[in-house]
Protein backbone atom coordinates (compact mmCIF):
# COMPACT_ATOMS: atom_id res chain seq x y z
CA MET A 1 83.57 134.01 -26.53
CA ALA A 2 80.11 132.50 -26.03
CA PHE A 3 77.09 134.78 -25.65
CA HIS A 4 73.36 134.30 -25.52
CA ALA A 5 71.50 135.80 -28.47
CA GLY A 6 71.60 139.56 -28.05
CA PHE A 7 73.30 139.17 -24.69
CA GLU A 8 76.20 141.52 -25.32
CA GLU A 9 74.00 144.31 -26.66
CA GLU A 10 71.53 143.94 -23.80
CA LEU A 11 74.20 144.05 -21.09
CA ARG A 12 76.12 146.97 -22.51
CA MET A 13 73.00 149.11 -22.45
CA GLY A 14 72.94 148.93 -18.65
CA VAL A 15 76.54 149.05 -17.49
CA LYS A 16 77.01 151.11 -14.32
CA LEU A 17 80.44 152.24 -13.08
CA TRP A 18 80.92 152.98 -9.37
CA GLY A 19 84.14 154.03 -7.63
CA LEU A 20 86.48 153.81 -10.65
CA GLU A 21 89.33 156.27 -11.14
CA PRO A 22 88.43 158.99 -13.68
CA GLU A 23 91.15 157.90 -16.14
CA LEU A 24 89.86 154.33 -16.02
CA VAL A 25 86.27 155.49 -16.48
CA ALA A 26 87.21 157.21 -19.72
CA ALA A 27 89.06 154.14 -20.99
CA VAL A 28 86.15 151.85 -20.14
CA GLN A 29 83.54 154.14 -21.71
CA ALA A 30 85.58 154.13 -24.92
CA ARG A 31 85.03 150.35 -25.07
CA VAL A 32 81.58 150.15 -23.50
CA PRO A 33 79.45 152.88 -25.08
CA GLY A 34 76.72 154.06 -22.76
CA ALA A 35 78.44 152.96 -19.56
CA GLN A 36 77.17 155.30 -16.86
CA VAL A 37 79.02 156.60 -13.81
CA ILE A 38 76.99 156.37 -10.58
CA GLU A 39 77.65 157.66 -7.04
CA ASP A 40 75.70 155.06 -5.06
CA GLU A 41 73.61 151.95 -5.55
CA CYS A 42 70.23 153.65 -5.86
CA SER A 43 70.26 153.84 -9.68
CA ILE A 44 71.13 150.17 -10.21
CA GLU A 45 68.42 148.11 -11.92
CA PRO A 46 68.02 144.31 -11.86
CA ALA A 47 69.13 143.95 -15.52
CA ASP A 48 72.29 146.03 -15.05
CA VAL A 49 75.92 145.05 -15.10
CA VAL A 50 77.78 146.83 -12.30
CA VAL A 51 81.51 147.53 -12.36
CA HIS A 52 82.51 148.47 -8.83
CA ASP A 53 85.78 149.40 -7.17
CA PRO A 54 85.18 149.22 -3.39
CA ARG A 55 88.68 150.38 -2.51
CA ARG A 56 89.27 153.76 -0.85
CA SER A 57 92.03 156.34 -0.93
CA ASP A 58 93.73 156.84 2.47
CA PRO A 59 91.54 154.09 4.00
CA THR A 60 90.63 153.72 7.65
CA ARG A 61 89.10 150.84 9.60
CA TRP A 62 85.68 152.45 9.10
CA ASP A 63 86.26 152.34 5.33
CA THR A 64 86.66 148.57 5.58
CA MET A 65 83.09 148.31 6.84
CA LEU A 66 81.78 150.82 4.28
CA ALA A 67 83.38 148.99 1.36
CA CYS A 68 81.90 145.63 2.35
CA ARG A 69 78.52 147.21 3.04
CA ASP A 70 78.56 148.76 -0.45
CA VAL A 71 79.06 145.30 -1.96
CA TRP A 72 76.12 144.05 0.13
CA ARG A 73 73.91 146.90 -1.03
CA ILE A 74 74.68 146.21 -4.68
CA LEU A 75 74.19 142.46 -4.59
CA VAL A 76 71.39 142.12 -2.02
CA ASP A 77 69.44 145.38 -2.20
CA ARG A 78 69.73 145.90 -6.00
CA ALA A 79 70.44 142.37 -7.36
CA PRO A 80 72.03 143.25 -10.74
CA ALA A 81 72.44 140.70 -13.52
CA ARG A 82 76.22 140.75 -13.21
CA TYR A 83 78.82 142.20 -10.86
CA VAL A 84 82.41 143.04 -11.78
CA GLN A 85 84.52 143.86 -8.73
CA LEU A 86 87.92 145.53 -9.04
CA SER A 87 90.63 144.45 -6.64
CA THR A 88 94.42 144.53 -6.49
CA MET A 89 97.33 142.24 -7.31
CA HIS A 90 99.11 143.60 -4.23
CA LEU A 91 97.21 140.99 -2.21
CA LEU A 92 99.89 138.55 -3.45
CA ASP A 93 103.00 140.71 -3.00
CA ARG A 94 104.18 138.91 0.13
CA TYR A 95 104.91 135.74 -1.79
CA ASP A 96 108.41 135.08 -3.08
CA PRO A 97 108.60 136.45 -6.67
CA GLY A 98 110.22 133.19 -7.71
CA TRP A 99 106.85 131.45 -7.62
CA MET A 100 104.58 131.55 -10.66
CA ILE A 101 101.72 133.13 -8.74
CA THR A 102 98.29 132.35 -10.19
CA GLU A 103 94.71 132.63 -8.99
CA ARG A 104 95.29 129.46 -6.96
CA PHE A 105 97.45 131.38 -4.43
CA ALA A 106 95.67 132.64 -1.30
CA PRO A 107 95.67 136.39 -0.59
CA LEU A 108 98.08 137.68 2.08
CA PRO A 109 96.68 141.10 3.01
CA GLY A 110 98.61 141.64 6.26
CA ASP A 111 97.68 144.76 8.22
CA ASP A 112 97.62 147.20 5.31
CA PRO A 113 94.15 148.81 5.52
CA ALA A 114 93.84 149.08 1.74
CA LEU A 115 94.61 145.39 1.28
CA LEU A 116 92.30 144.37 4.11
CA ILE A 117 89.48 146.27 2.38
CA ALA A 118 90.20 144.51 -0.92
CA HIS A 119 90.38 141.10 0.76
CA LEU A 120 87.16 141.42 2.76
CA ALA A 121 85.29 142.96 -0.17
CA GLU A 122 86.23 139.96 -2.32
CA LEU A 123 84.94 137.61 0.37
CA THR A 124 81.71 139.58 0.65
CA SER A 125 80.83 139.08 -3.01
CA ARG A 126 81.92 135.44 -2.85
CA GLU A 127 79.65 134.59 0.06
CA ILE A 128 76.61 136.51 -1.18
CA THR A 129 76.76 134.87 -4.62
CA ARG A 130 76.65 131.44 -3.00
CA ALA A 131 73.03 132.28 -2.22
CA ARG A 132 72.11 134.69 -5.02
CA PRO A 133 72.09 133.80 -8.75
CA ILE A 134 74.33 136.70 -9.75
CA GLU A 135 77.42 136.22 -11.92
CA ALA A 136 80.36 137.91 -10.22
CA CYS A 137 83.89 138.36 -11.49
CA VAL A 138 86.71 139.81 -9.40
CA LEU A 139 89.48 141.42 -11.45
CA ARG A 140 92.72 141.91 -9.56
CA LEU A 141 94.60 144.73 -11.28
CA GLY A 142 98.15 146.03 -11.17
CA ASP A 143 98.83 149.72 -10.50
CA LEU A 144 97.27 151.65 -13.38
CA VAL A 145 99.50 153.79 -15.65
CA ASP A 146 99.12 155.42 -19.06
CA HIS A 147 102.69 154.65 -20.16
CA GLU A 148 104.78 151.54 -20.63
CA PRO A 149 104.07 149.51 -17.49
CA GLY A 150 106.73 148.64 -14.96
CA TRP A 151 107.20 145.56 -12.78
CA ASP A 152 103.80 145.58 -10.99
CA GLU A 153 101.94 148.10 -13.18
CA LEU A 154 99.15 147.74 -15.73
CA HIS A 155 98.32 149.94 -18.68
CA LEU A 156 94.91 151.63 -18.50
CA ASP A 157 93.98 150.24 -21.90
CA ASP A 158 94.61 146.65 -20.80
CA ALA A 159 92.59 147.18 -17.61
CA ALA A 160 89.72 148.70 -19.59
CA ALA A 161 89.80 145.86 -22.11
CA ALA A 162 89.55 143.29 -19.31
CA ILE A 163 86.67 145.18 -17.68
CA ALA A 164 84.82 145.40 -21.00
CA THR A 165 85.21 141.65 -21.45
CA ALA A 166 83.98 140.98 -17.91
CA THR A 167 80.80 142.97 -18.58
CA SER A 168 79.86 140.75 -21.50
CA VAL A 169 81.42 137.30 -21.53
CA THR A 170 79.63 134.65 -19.50
CA LEU A 171 81.96 132.62 -17.34
CA VAL A 172 79.37 129.91 -16.83
CA ASP A 173 80.01 128.60 -20.34
CA GLU A 174 78.63 125.08 -20.56
CA PRO A 175 80.47 123.97 -23.76
CA VAL A 176 83.81 125.21 -22.43
CA GLN A 177 83.11 123.64 -19.05
CA ALA A 178 82.23 120.32 -20.70
CA ALA A 179 85.43 120.39 -22.75
CA ALA A 180 87.49 121.08 -19.60
CA LEU A 181 85.88 118.15 -17.82
CA ALA A 182 86.54 115.91 -20.83
CA ARG A 183 90.25 116.62 -20.63
CA GLY A 184 90.30 116.06 -16.87
CA ASP A 185 90.48 119.74 -15.85
CA ASP A 186 87.75 119.71 -13.23
CA HIS A 187 89.14 122.43 -10.95
CA GLY A 188 89.71 125.34 -13.31
CA PRO A 189 88.51 128.78 -12.22
CA LEU A 190 86.00 129.26 -15.04
CA GLY A 191 82.56 127.72 -14.90
CA THR A 192 80.98 129.02 -11.69
CA ARG A 193 79.27 132.28 -10.92
CA TRP A 194 82.03 133.79 -8.73
CA ARG A 195 85.62 133.85 -9.93
CA VAL A 196 88.87 135.78 -9.46
CA LEU A 197 91.03 136.67 -12.46
CA HIS A 198 94.49 138.25 -12.45
CA ILE A 199 94.79 141.11 -14.93
CA THR A 200 98.51 141.84 -15.30
CA ASN A 201 101.02 143.16 -17.81
CA GLY A 202 102.04 139.56 -18.45
CA SER A 203 105.82 139.86 -18.20
CA GLY A 204 106.46 141.67 -14.93
CA ARG A 205 105.77 140.64 -11.34
CA TYR A 206 102.87 138.32 -12.19
CA PRO A 207 102.10 136.16 -15.25
CA VAL A 208 98.80 135.96 -17.08
CA ALA A 209 97.24 132.72 -15.89
CA THR A 210 93.55 131.81 -15.83
CA ALA A 211 92.46 135.13 -17.34
CA GLY A 212 94.11 134.03 -20.58
CA ASP A 213 91.91 130.94 -20.88
CA GLU A 214 88.71 130.76 -22.88
CA PRO A 215 86.18 132.25 -22.75
CA PHE A 216 87.83 135.30 -21.10
CA SER A 217 90.94 135.16 -23.34
CA TYR A 218 92.74 138.14 -21.84
CA ALA A 219 95.99 139.12 -23.60
CA PRO A 220 97.83 142.32 -22.53
CA GLN A 221 98.71 144.65 -25.37
CA HIS A 222 101.21 146.59 -23.24
CA PRO A 223 103.68 144.09 -21.75
CA CYS A 224 106.31 145.08 -19.23
CA SER A 225 109.82 145.54 -20.59
CA GLU A 226 111.45 145.80 -17.14
CA ARG A 227 113.41 142.76 -16.04
CA ARG A 228 114.33 141.89 -12.46
CA PRO A 229 116.20 138.90 -11.08
CA ARG A 230 113.87 136.13 -9.99
CA PRO A 231 115.87 133.53 -8.02
CA ARG A 232 114.31 130.16 -7.43
CA PRO A 233 112.81 130.00 -3.90
CA THR A 234 114.89 127.91 -1.54
CA MET A 235 111.93 126.38 0.30
CA ILE A 236 108.16 126.21 0.35
CA ASP A 237 106.54 128.43 2.96
CA THR A 238 102.85 127.61 2.90
CA HIS A 239 101.94 130.22 5.55
CA TRP A 240 100.17 127.66 7.72
CA PRO A 241 99.05 129.12 11.08
CA GLN A 242 101.41 128.40 13.95
CA PRO A 243 100.55 127.68 17.61
CA VAL A 244 100.53 130.67 19.96
CA SER A 245 100.85 130.83 23.75
CA ARG A 246 99.97 133.40 26.39
CA ALA A 247 100.23 132.87 30.12
CA LEU A 248 97.29 134.27 32.09
CA PRO A 249 98.66 136.97 34.41
CA GLU A 250 97.94 136.75 38.13
CA ASP A 251 96.19 140.12 38.13
CA ASP A 252 94.21 139.59 34.93
CA ALA A 253 91.77 142.36 34.05
CA VAL A 254 89.20 141.62 31.35
CA VAL A 255 87.31 144.31 29.48
CA LEU A 256 83.98 142.80 28.39
CA TYR A 257 82.28 144.59 25.50
CA GLY A 258 78.58 143.73 25.28
CA ALA A 259 78.18 143.08 29.01
CA GLY A 260 74.58 144.31 28.93
CA GLY A 261 73.42 141.50 26.63
CA ALA A 262 71.84 138.16 27.52
CA LEU A 263 75.14 136.28 27.68
CA GLY A 264 76.81 139.23 29.39
CA GLY A 265 75.43 138.36 32.84
CA PRO A 266 76.63 134.75 33.12
CA ALA A 267 79.86 135.62 31.27
CA SER A 268 80.60 138.39 33.77
CA GLU A 269 80.11 135.97 36.66
CA ALA A 270 82.29 133.29 35.04
CA LEU A 271 85.10 135.75 34.30
CA ALA A 272 84.90 137.29 37.78
CA GLN A 273 85.92 133.97 39.35
CA ARG A 274 89.43 134.54 38.06
CA SER A 275 89.75 138.14 36.85
CA ARG A 276 88.74 141.71 37.51
CA VAL A 277 86.07 142.58 34.95
CA VAL A 278 85.41 145.93 33.29
CA GLN A 279 81.85 145.59 32.02
CA CYS A 280 81.14 147.73 28.96
CA ASP A 281 78.00 148.25 26.93
CA ALA A 282 76.36 150.94 24.83
CA LEU A 283 73.40 150.79 27.26
CA ASP A 284 73.55 152.65 30.54
CA PRO A 285 74.30 150.15 33.36
CA ALA A 286 70.96 151.05 34.96
CA GLU A 287 69.22 149.30 32.05
CA TRP A 288 71.22 146.07 32.17
CA THR A 289 69.03 144.25 34.69
CA THR A 290 65.80 144.77 32.72
CA VAL A 291 64.05 141.43 32.11
CA ARG A 292 63.90 141.12 28.34
CA GLN A 293 61.81 137.96 27.78
CA GLU A 294 59.60 137.07 30.75
CA GLY A 295 59.58 133.34 31.45
CA SER A 296 61.96 132.53 28.59
CA GLY A 297 64.90 131.42 30.68
CA VAL A 298 67.07 134.09 29.01
CA PRO A 299 69.33 135.51 31.75
CA THR A 300 69.52 139.20 32.52
CA ALA A 301 72.74 141.13 32.72
CA ILE A 302 74.20 141.95 36.11
CA ARG A 303 76.39 144.65 37.59
CA LEU A 304 79.37 143.15 39.38
CA PRO A 305 80.40 144.84 42.67
CA ALA A 306 83.76 146.53 43.18
CA PRO A 307 86.60 146.02 42.37
CA HIS A 308 84.82 145.27 39.12
CA GLU A 309 83.47 148.28 37.28
CA GLN A 310 81.00 149.33 34.60
CA ARG A 311 81.50 151.73 31.72
CA VAL A 312 79.31 152.99 28.89
CA CYS A 313 81.08 152.27 25.60
CA ASP A 314 79.79 152.30 22.02
CA VAL A 315 82.05 150.00 19.98
CA ARG A 316 81.33 152.09 16.87
CA ASP A 317 83.51 154.82 18.43
CA PRO A 318 87.20 153.84 18.35
CA GLU A 319 88.11 156.42 21.00
CA GLN A 320 85.58 155.00 23.46
CA VAL A 321 86.81 151.47 22.75
CA LEU A 322 90.42 152.48 23.35
CA ALA A 323 89.58 154.34 26.56
CA ALA A 324 87.57 151.42 27.95
CA SER A 325 90.48 149.03 27.39
CA GLU A 326 92.91 150.99 29.57
CA GLY A 327 94.49 148.73 32.17
CA ALA A 328 93.08 145.52 30.68
CA THR A 329 95.18 142.43 29.96
CA SER A 330 92.42 140.48 28.15
CA ILE A 331 89.46 141.41 25.96
CA VAL A 332 86.11 139.69 25.40
CA SER A 333 83.82 140.97 22.65
CA MET A 334 80.23 139.73 22.60
CA GLY A 335 78.20 142.73 21.50
CA VAL A 336 76.25 141.91 18.32
CA VAL A 337 73.40 143.26 16.19
CA ARG A 338 71.48 140.66 14.22
CA HIS A 339 68.92 142.27 11.94
CA ASP A 340 69.44 146.01 11.55
CA PRO A 341 70.92 146.56 8.05
CA VAL A 342 72.98 149.54 9.24
CA LEU A 343 73.97 148.68 12.80
CA ALA A 344 74.89 145.10 11.95
CA TRP A 345 77.75 146.40 9.81
CA GLU A 346 78.77 149.14 12.22
CA VAL A 347 78.76 146.96 15.35
CA ASN A 348 79.68 143.48 14.12
CA LEU A 349 82.40 144.41 11.63
CA ALA A 350 83.59 147.95 12.34
CA GLY A 351 83.16 147.46 16.09
CA LEU A 352 85.40 144.40 16.21
CA LEU A 353 87.99 146.15 14.04
CA HIS A 354 88.09 148.96 16.62
CA ILE A 355 88.51 146.39 19.39
CA ILE A 356 91.39 144.68 17.55
CA ASP A 357 93.08 148.04 17.09
CA ALA A 358 92.66 148.77 20.81
CA ALA A 359 94.23 145.41 21.69
CA ARG A 360 97.28 146.23 19.63
CA ALA A 361 97.55 149.77 21.01
CA ARG A 362 97.38 148.48 24.61
CA GLY A 363 99.64 145.48 24.05
CA ILE A 364 96.80 143.07 24.95
CA ARG A 365 97.56 139.59 23.63
CA ARG A 366 94.37 137.64 24.46
CA LEU A 367 91.19 138.59 22.62
CA VAL A 368 88.04 136.44 22.64
CA THR A 369 85.13 137.21 20.35
CA CYS A 370 81.74 135.47 20.29
CA GLY A 371 79.42 134.86 17.38
CA PRO A 372 77.11 132.41 15.61
CA ALA A 373 78.23 129.09 14.17
CA LEU A 374 78.84 129.77 10.48
CA SER A 375 78.79 126.27 9.01
CA LEU A 376 75.12 125.42 9.57
CA ARG A 377 73.38 127.25 6.73
CA GLN A 378 71.19 124.85 4.79
CA HIS A 379 72.10 123.20 1.49
CA PRO A 380 73.48 124.31 -0.92
CA ILE A 381 75.20 127.10 1.03
CA GLY A 382 76.35 125.38 4.21
CA TYR A 383 76.78 121.98 5.78
CA HIS A 384 73.55 121.66 7.76
CA GLU A 385 72.59 118.41 6.08
CA ASP A 386 76.09 116.89 6.38
CA ARG A 387 77.34 114.67 9.19
CA TRP A 388 80.74 114.71 10.87
CA VAL A 389 81.45 118.33 9.95
CA PRO A 390 84.32 119.57 12.15
CA GLY A 391 83.85 122.74 14.15
CA ASP A 392 86.61 124.49 12.21
CA ALA A 393 85.11 123.72 8.78
CA PRO A 394 85.29 126.67 6.35
CA PRO A 395 82.51 129.13 7.24
CA ARG A 396 79.51 129.46 4.94
CA PRO A 397 77.57 132.60 5.91
CA GLY A 398 75.95 133.11 2.50
CA ASP A 399 73.85 136.26 2.26
CA HIS A 400 72.59 136.16 5.86
CA LEU A 401 73.26 139.63 7.29
CA TYR A 402 74.22 138.61 10.83
CA SER A 403 76.33 135.66 9.71
CA LEU A 404 78.08 137.59 6.93
CA THR A 405 79.07 140.57 9.07
CA GLN A 406 80.33 138.22 11.77
CA PHE A 407 82.27 136.17 9.22
CA LEU A 408 84.03 139.25 7.81
CA ALA A 409 84.92 140.45 11.32
CA GLN A 410 86.32 137.04 12.22
CA GLU A 411 88.39 136.92 9.03
CA ALA A 412 89.81 140.37 9.84
CA LEU A 413 90.66 139.09 13.32
CA ARG A 414 92.50 136.08 11.88
CA VAL A 415 94.54 138.27 9.53
CA LEU A 416 95.44 140.94 12.10
CA ALA A 417 96.02 138.57 15.03
CA GLU A 418 98.61 136.67 13.01
CA GLU A 419 100.23 139.90 11.87
CA TRP A 420 100.33 141.47 15.35
CA ASP A 421 101.08 138.37 17.46
CA ILE A 422 97.74 138.48 19.24
CA SER A 423 96.49 135.23 20.77
CA ALA A 424 92.79 135.30 19.87
CA CYS A 425 89.95 132.79 20.07
CA ILE A 426 86.68 132.86 18.11
CA VAL A 427 83.94 131.23 20.21
CA LEU A 428 80.85 130.24 18.22
CA PHE A 429 77.39 129.27 19.45
CA THR A 430 74.29 127.93 17.70
CA GLY A 431 71.60 128.11 20.36
CA PHE A 432 71.17 128.78 24.09
CA SER A 433 68.48 127.16 26.16
CA VAL A 434 67.44 126.05 29.62
CA PRO A 435 66.77 122.30 29.31
CA ASP A 436 63.95 122.11 31.89
CA ASP A 437 62.23 125.32 30.75
CA PRO A 438 58.57 124.42 29.99
CA ASP A 439 58.29 127.47 27.73
CA ALA A 440 61.19 126.50 25.48
CA SER A 441 60.11 126.80 21.86
CA GLU A 442 59.54 123.72 19.73
CA PHE A 443 62.37 124.94 17.47
CA LEU A 444 64.85 124.78 20.35
CA ARG A 445 63.64 121.35 21.41
CA ARG A 446 64.15 120.01 17.90
CA SER A 447 67.61 121.49 17.45
CA GLU A 448 70.62 119.27 17.93
CA PHE A 449 72.99 122.16 18.68
CA GLN A 450 72.30 123.69 22.08
CA VAL A 451 74.14 124.77 25.20
CA ASN A 452 72.98 126.07 28.56
CA TRP A 453 73.57 129.82 29.05
CA HIS A 454 75.88 129.35 32.02
CA ASP A 455 77.85 126.59 30.33
CA GLY A 456 78.34 128.89 27.34
CA ALA A 457 79.64 131.59 29.67
CA ARG A 458 82.09 129.12 31.20
CA ALA A 459 83.44 128.41 27.70
CA VAL A 460 84.10 132.13 27.20
CA ALA A 461 86.04 132.26 30.48
CA ALA A 462 87.98 129.14 29.45
CA ALA A 463 88.94 130.83 26.18
CA VAL A 464 90.38 133.75 28.15
CA ALA A 465 92.37 131.49 30.47
CA VAL A 466 93.71 128.81 28.09
CA GLU A 467 97.47 129.11 27.67
CA GLU A 468 98.10 127.67 24.19
CA LEU A 469 96.00 127.83 21.03
CA PRO A 470 96.77 126.02 17.74
CA SER A 471 96.84 129.27 15.75
CA SER A 472 96.51 133.01 16.21
CA ALA A 473 92.71 132.94 15.98
CA PRO A 474 91.18 129.44 15.95
CA THR A 475 87.45 128.85 15.73
CA VAL A 476 85.88 127.00 18.67
CA GLU A 477 82.29 125.74 18.53
CA VAL A 478 80.51 125.41 21.88
CA ARG A 479 77.67 122.95 22.28
CA ALA A 480 76.50 120.33 24.74
CA ARG A 481 76.62 116.69 23.78
CA GLY A 482 73.38 115.28 22.39
CA PRO A 483 71.99 111.93 21.26
CA HIS A 484 71.79 112.80 17.57
CA GLY A 485 75.07 111.38 16.23
CA TRP A 486 75.40 114.39 13.96
CA ARG A 487 78.61 116.20 14.89
CA PRO A 488 81.96 115.10 16.31
CA GLN A 489 83.37 116.40 19.58
CA CYS A 490 83.08 120.16 19.79
CA GLY A 491 86.20 122.32 19.66
CA ALA A 492 85.65 123.75 23.14
CA GLU A 493 86.16 120.29 24.63
CA ARG A 494 89.29 119.65 22.59
CA LEU A 495 91.00 123.05 22.74
CA LEU A 496 89.72 124.67 25.94
CA GLY A 497 89.30 121.70 28.25
CA TRP A 498 85.64 122.70 28.65
CA ARG A 499 82.69 120.38 28.95
CA ALA A 500 79.01 121.16 29.44
CA GLU A 501 77.86 120.57 33.01
CA ALA A 502 74.10 121.07 32.62
CA ASP A 503 72.03 118.01 31.74
CA MET A 504 70.53 118.89 28.35
CA SER A 505 68.73 115.57 27.87
CA PRO A 506 65.24 116.95 28.74
CA MET A 507 65.48 118.97 25.52
CA TRP A 508 65.08 115.77 23.53
CA TRP A 509 63.03 113.38 25.67
CA HIS A 510 60.03 111.86 23.93
CA PRO A 511 56.77 113.18 25.44
CA ASP A 512 55.77 109.62 26.37
CA ALA A 513 59.09 108.73 28.02
CA SER A 514 58.64 107.38 31.56
CA GLY A 515 60.62 108.47 34.58
CA GLY A 516 62.38 105.11 34.94
CA ASP A 517 66.01 104.39 34.19
CA THR A 518 65.15 101.73 31.57
CA VAL A 519 62.72 101.50 28.72
CA SER A 520 60.51 98.39 28.79
CA SER A 521 59.08 96.79 25.68
């Protein structure tokens, strides 16, 4: 193992343990003298190494949000030197046991709340460490036992040994990385500041793979003696998303969460052309028509007349969400919180989880959720400086609170929609503007990714009405065409048959451009 001078001693003096089982705490403290048990993030210092298990016993949907928020608080609010996150090998149980399953296999959490927590917590640390210089190591463990381990179990001593190694060994090991590159191994899991390692008994359900490589060099001292038949798989099932269809019923009723927001007004009008709309918001309907930004062009919400209706509903309350969805055949979710470090988690992540649960309980098969485009963070996190980035490129929220909470909610929607046969659509926007608004900010005028408010609302209605989608929860970017030559056709045009109607060209006219149809030299 490669260490900086005095590195091991320095790190071990500040090891903090949060959320570990008592038996595991004792085993870790036997190997890491001075490791301290903590109850929250408040005692974490910048030089500390944190070992954190975000999983919960008897988890609920609310626990999913709490677990991810705890990871945020550790990495963003406290910024330790190193973060060791405990996770579970059960994220891979749905694969055929005939495969040699390594860290290169994607997690398959399904709808098990405990596995969804583990999956989203892993993604939280991954995205934050794209933007923060914190070494993070995720250790997926088998079920912990203090006796000879069975098929998918792991001895406490082996788990503690792996945790002790993770608190001290640096995975960004330049000599080892250089040697790997020299032998042509340029895609190994060691060498970056966020990695997943499988910590197993070595001879049961899962083999030891990358964790056994230098510099981690994990070797279980308590192998599994149990043997089970492991037939060769008959075919490769790569779990690619499959197309889904849903015919729009003649008497469609849409429950619209977030109807009191800026997009809620034009979205309500667009939906009402085809469906009965149940407008829901945490605000009292009497407050919806308040002008928020005088002269900005931002629309105000409206109250649709009967047979449409309005209801007060706080998406943080699963009972209110379920009650508001009664009688609906489609759901649109567009309520968001951007900056509040508490409400952003409770509304964006937990709120959408409650809405997904309500869709399943009511048998609703079309769910549309709205959010920000997640591929446009600046280099090195996102693709803002790249051309020809498709709208369904892998999201890159980084450590941005609004983007991260939306990303986690959208990932949960993808997982659960596929599991529950829900036909969902994730509609993403970058900016809204009124092209001939003289008060439009210079930022909006310089941006290449804009759409008119009413055109954006039409895209939401198109997502409700479209019959077939390419997967259970595809991502669809909505933007008007511009002269920049920066992005290919947006997904809303391709998948929803939508196209912007408003002329956005005034957003980008040169101040000296004449009113003629041609430009003379």
